[in-house]
Protein backbone atom coordinates (compact mmCIF):
# COMPACT_ATOMS: atom_id res chain seq x y z
CA MET A 1 1.15 -58.22 55.36
CA VAL A 2 4.74 -59.39 55.67
CA ARG A 3 7.39 -57.77 53.51
CA GLU A 4 7.94 -60.80 51.24
CA GLU A 5 4.24 -61.03 50.39
CA LEU A 6 4.11 -57.30 49.71
CA ILE A 7 6.96 -57.63 47.21
CA ARG A 8 5.32 -60.62 45.50
CA ARG A 9 1.97 -58.86 45.13
CA SER A 10 3.35 -55.52 43.97
CA PRO A 11 1.87 -54.36 40.64
CA LEU A 12 5.46 -53.76 39.55
CA ARG A 13 5.76 -57.51 39.04
CA ILE A 14 3.36 -56.97 36.10
CA LEU A 15 5.74 -54.37 34.70
CA GLU A 16 8.72 -56.71 35.02
CA LYS A 17 6.92 -59.58 33.28
CA SER A 18 5.88 -57.30 30.43
CA ILE A 19 9.50 -56.36 29.65
CA HIS A 20 11.09 -59.82 29.73
CA GLY A 21 11.78 -59.90 33.45
CA GLY A 22 12.82 -56.30 33.89
CA VAL A 23 15.16 -53.65 32.54
CA GLY A 24 18.24 -55.71 33.29
CA VAL A 25 21.70 -54.98 34.66
CA GLY A 26 23.70 -52.57 32.51
CA ASN A 27 20.59 -51.21 30.80
CA ILE A 28 18.72 -47.89 30.76
CA ALA A 29 14.95 -47.39 31.01
CA VAL A 30 13.11 -44.11 30.46
CA ILE A 31 9.67 -42.98 31.58
CA ALA A 32 8.58 -40.30 29.11
CA ALA A 33 5.66 -37.90 29.46
CA ARG A 34 4.76 -34.24 29.60
CA LYS A 35 5.58 -32.26 32.72
CA GLY A 36 3.24 -32.81 35.63
CA THR A 37 2.05 -36.21 34.43
CA GLY A 38 3.59 -38.28 37.24
CA LYS A 39 7.07 -39.33 36.11
CA THR A 40 8.71 -38.65 39.48
CA ALA A 41 5.98 -40.55 41.31
CA CYS A 42 6.57 -43.56 39.05
CA LEU A 43 10.32 -43.41 39.55
CA VAL A 44 9.97 -43.15 43.33
CA HIS A 45 7.54 -46.10 43.41
CA ILE A 46 9.98 -48.16 41.31
CA ALA A 47 12.87 -47.15 43.58
CA THR A 48 10.85 -47.93 46.71
CA ASP A 49 10.01 -51.38 45.34
CA GLN A 50 13.74 -51.99 44.87
CA LEU A 51 14.37 -50.86 48.44
CA PHE A 52 11.71 -53.26 49.75
CA GLN A 53 13.71 -56.04 48.08
CA GLY A 54 16.80 -55.06 50.06
CA LYS A 55 18.51 -53.38 47.13
CA HIS A 56 20.44 -50.11 47.26
CA VAL A 57 19.25 -47.07 45.33
CA ILE A 58 20.89 -43.78 44.38
CA HIS A 59 18.35 -41.13 43.43
CA VAL A 60 19.98 -38.43 41.30
CA SER A 61 18.06 -35.18 40.88
CA PHE A 62 18.87 -32.39 38.45
CA ALA A 63 16.19 -30.17 39.98
CA SER A 64 17.19 -26.98 41.79
CA ARG A 65 15.40 -28.18 44.94
CA THR A 66 15.31 -31.70 46.37
CA ASP A 67 13.20 -31.40 49.52
CA HIS A 68 10.10 -32.48 47.61
CA ILE A 69 11.78 -35.75 46.59
CA MET A 70 12.12 -36.89 50.20
CA SER A 71 8.45 -36.05 50.66
CA TRP A 72 7.60 -38.25 47.66
CA TYR A 73 9.44 -41.18 49.24
CA GLU A 74 7.74 -40.70 52.59
CA ASP A 75 4.28 -40.35 51.04
CA ILE A 76 4.67 -43.36 48.77
CA PHE A 77 6.05 -45.57 51.55
CA ARG A 78 3.18 -44.53 53.79
CA GLU A 79 0.61 -45.35 51.09
CA ILE A 80 2.12 -48.77 50.38
CA ALA A 81 2.29 -49.61 54.09
CA ARG A 82 -1.31 -48.49 54.59
CA LYS A 83 -2.77 -50.22 51.55
CA ARG A 84 -0.95 -53.49 52.22
CA ASP A 85 -1.22 -53.39 56.02
CA LEU A 86 2.55 -53.77 56.31
CA GLU A 87 3.75 -55.42 59.50
CA ASP A 88 6.37 -53.55 61.61
CA ALA A 89 6.25 -50.64 59.18
CA MET A 90 8.62 -48.34 61.07
CA THR A 91 11.39 -50.96 61.21
CA VAL A 92 11.00 -51.56 57.47
CA HIS A 93 10.99 -47.80 56.88
CA ASP A 94 14.31 -47.41 58.72
CA ASP A 95 15.84 -50.28 56.72
CA LEU A 96 14.82 -48.61 53.48
CA ILE A 97 16.31 -45.25 54.42
CA ARG A 98 19.71 -46.85 55.09
CA ASN A 99 19.75 -48.22 51.55
CA ARG A 100 18.90 -44.95 49.80
CA VAL A 101 21.09 -41.98 48.85
CA LEU A 102 20.02 -38.71 47.24
CA MET A 103 22.51 -36.83 45.05
CA ASN A 104 21.83 -33.44 43.51
CA PHE A 105 23.55 -31.92 40.46
CA ASN A 106 23.18 -29.02 38.06
CA GLN A 107 23.20 -30.63 34.62
CA HIS A 108 24.49 -27.48 32.98
CA GLY A 109 27.31 -27.10 35.53
CA ILE A 110 28.82 -30.58 35.41
CA THR A 111 30.53 -32.66 32.71
CA ILE A 112 29.81 -36.33 32.18
CA GLU A 113 33.33 -37.05 33.50
CA GLN A 114 32.59 -35.20 36.75
CA PHE A 115 29.19 -36.86 37.07
CA LEU A 116 30.58 -40.37 36.66
CA LYS A 117 33.44 -39.58 39.01
CA SER A 118 30.95 -38.52 41.71
CA LEU A 119 28.87 -41.67 41.25
CA ARG A 120 31.97 -43.86 41.33
CA ALA A 121 33.17 -42.15 44.50
CA MET A 122 29.85 -42.89 46.20
CA ILE A 123 29.64 -46.50 45.03
CA VAL A 124 33.28 -47.61 45.13
CA ALA A 125 35.17 -45.33 47.51
CA GLY A 126 32.11 -44.67 49.68
CA GLY A 127 31.16 -48.33 49.85
CA PHE A 128 27.51 -47.77 48.87
CA ALA A 129 26.76 -50.93 46.90
CA ALA A 130 24.15 -49.47 44.56
CA ASP A 131 21.93 -51.74 42.46
CA THR A 132 19.72 -49.08 40.85
CA ILE A 133 20.28 -45.45 39.94
CA VAL A 134 17.24 -43.26 39.33
CA ILE A 135 18.01 -40.09 37.36
CA ASP A 136 15.22 -37.54 37.56
CA GLY A 137 15.01 -34.24 35.73
CA TYR A 138 17.66 -34.95 33.07
CA ASP A 139 17.19 -32.60 30.12
CA PHE A 140 17.41 -34.83 27.04
CA GLU A 141 17.12 -31.81 24.77
CA ALA A 142 20.29 -30.32 26.30
CA GLY A 143 22.01 -33.69 26.71
CA ASP A 144 23.78 -35.83 24.14
CA PRO A 145 23.78 -39.52 23.16
CA GLU A 146 27.49 -39.93 23.90
CA SER A 147 26.91 -39.07 27.56
CA LEU A 148 24.18 -41.71 27.75
CA ARG A 149 26.46 -44.25 26.10
CA ARG A 150 29.06 -43.58 28.76
CA LEU A 151 26.44 -43.92 31.49
CA ARG A 152 25.35 -47.23 30.02
CA ASP A 153 28.96 -48.46 29.94
CA PHE A 154 29.34 -47.33 33.57
CA ALA A 155 26.18 -49.28 34.47
CA LYS A 156 27.51 -52.40 32.77
CA GLU A 157 30.85 -52.11 34.55
CA LEU A 158 29.32 -51.72 38.01
CA LYS A 159 26.30 -53.97 37.35
CA LEU A 160 23.68 -51.25 37.77
CA THR A 161 20.23 -50.63 36.36
CA LEU A 162 19.41 -47.04 35.35
CA TRP A 163 15.98 -45.40 35.29
CA PHE A 164 15.47 -41.93 33.75
CA SER A 165 12.55 -39.55 33.42
CA ALA A 166 12.15 -37.56 30.20
CA SER A 167 9.91 -34.50 29.94
CA THR A 168 8.32 -33.94 26.55
CA HIS A 169 7.00 -30.44 26.04
CA ARG A 170 3.90 -29.85 23.97
CA GLU A 171 5.94 -28.96 20.90
CA GLN A 172 8.04 -32.12 21.41
CA SER A 173 5.10 -34.50 21.72
CA GLU A 174 5.45 -35.86 18.18
CA VAL A 175 6.34 -39.53 17.93
CA ASP A 176 7.82 -41.67 15.19
CA GLU A 177 6.15 -44.64 13.52
CA ASN A 178 6.99 -46.83 16.54
CA GLY A 179 5.53 -44.38 19.03
CA VAL A 180 8.93 -43.19 20.29
CA PRO A 181 8.96 -39.50 21.27
CA MET A 182 11.15 -37.59 18.83
CA LEU A 183 12.98 -36.12 21.83
CA LEU A 184 14.48 -39.58 22.47
CA HIS A 185 15.12 -40.56 18.88
CA SER A 186 18.86 -39.87 18.85
CA TYR A 187 19.25 -41.86 22.11
CA LEU A 188 17.56 -45.05 20.97
CA ASP A 189 20.73 -47.13 20.63
CA HIS A 190 21.37 -46.67 24.35
CA LEU A 191 17.84 -47.21 25.71
CA ALA A 192 16.60 -50.72 26.52
CA VAL A 193 13.11 -49.76 27.69
CA ILE A 194 10.84 -46.77 27.05
CA ILE A 195 7.57 -46.39 28.93
CA SER A 196 5.12 -43.58 28.26
CA LEU A 197 2.53 -42.07 30.57
CA THR A 198 -0.68 -41.28 28.73
CA PRO A 199 -3.34 -39.16 30.47
CA GLU A 200 -6.83 -40.49 29.87
CA LYS A 201 -10.20 -39.39 31.22
CA LYS A 202 -9.97 -40.91 34.68
CA HIS A 203 -6.39 -42.10 35.00
CA ILE A 204 -2.86 -42.06 33.62
CA ARG A 205 -2.01 -45.21 31.70
CA LEU A 206 1.45 -46.78 31.44
CA ARG A 207 2.42 -48.05 27.99
CA VAL A 208 5.50 -49.94 26.81
CA ILE A 209 6.96 -48.28 23.70
CA LYS A 210 10.34 -50.02 23.53
CA ASP A 211 10.89 -53.44 25.08
CA HIS A 212 14.57 -54.23 24.57
CA ASP A 213 14.75 -55.20 20.87
CA GLN A 214 11.02 -54.83 20.20
CA TYR A 215 8.83 -51.78 19.62
CA ARG A 216 5.31 -51.94 20.99
CA SER A 217 2.53 -49.60 21.99
CA GLU A 218 0.69 -51.66 24.54
CA GLY A 219 -1.06 -50.76 27.73
CA LEU A 220 0.37 -52.61 30.71
CA HIS A 221 -2.90 -52.97 32.62
CA LEU A 222 -1.19 -50.53 34.97
CA GLU A 223 -2.08 -46.95 35.76
CA LEU A 224 -0.88 -44.16 38.01
CA ASP A 225 -3.31 -43.42 40.82
CA SER A 226 -3.38 -39.62 41.11
CA LYS A 227 -4.52 -39.78 44.74
CA SER A 228 -2.09 -42.32 46.20
CA LEU A 229 0.70 -41.56 43.70
CA LEU A 230 1.16 -45.31 43.28
CA ILE A 231 1.38 -47.46 40.18
CA VAL A 232 -1.64 -49.77 40.47
CA SER A 233 -3.18 -52.53 38.41
CA GLU A 234 -6.36 -51.75 36.51
C-alpha cells in the first residue's frame, strides 16, 4: 500500500470525524485511563499517524526512563507497515525519524517557564517546525490549571496541537455527571477533547467524553488492540 492510501484508510480518520475534524490547532486533548491501560500506545499511534502525514512531532516524556518510548515507536511503525503492506517501508521509516524529537523532563524539577523556554528553543531557535506535541506522563494531580492555560496559549501562538495522557488511580476513578474524571475537573476550561480508555472483556474501548463544547459518552467504534498496540476499528 502506498503512503497516501495508508493515511486515508487509517482508523484515526474515524477519530477525527468524531471530534469535528480533529483536536485543532491551539487546542489540548487528553487520553485518560488507569495505569497500564494503553495510553502511551494510543499517543504513539496518534503521533505516528501525524508523522506519516509529513508533520513534525515532539514527544515529551516525564518518565524517568525513555528507552521504552523509542521501542513503542518502532513496534507500532512495524505493525502498521506489516498490516498495510507499506511500500518502501524503510525509506518511509527514515523520513518519519527525521520529523520526530524526544524530550525528557522531570516534572517536579522544572517550572512552566523553563519548560516553555525549552520547547521554544527547540521549535524556534532550533528550527524544528513542530505541528504536534505529545506530552506523556504528566501528573495532573501535582500540576495546576494555570500551567495548562499557559501551554494552551503557547500552542495557539505557535500553531500547535497538544496531546496529553492522564493516569487515573483507582481512588481517582470517580467521574462527574458528564463522565469527566474528577482528576481533570479543574482543568476543563483548557481541554478541548477528552477521550477515555475503558477496559472491557476482550478489548479496550475508546470513548469521547468531551468534544470541544459538547459532553458525550460515546464509543468511537475504535478499540486498542492489545497485541498490535494499534488503535483499530471494531
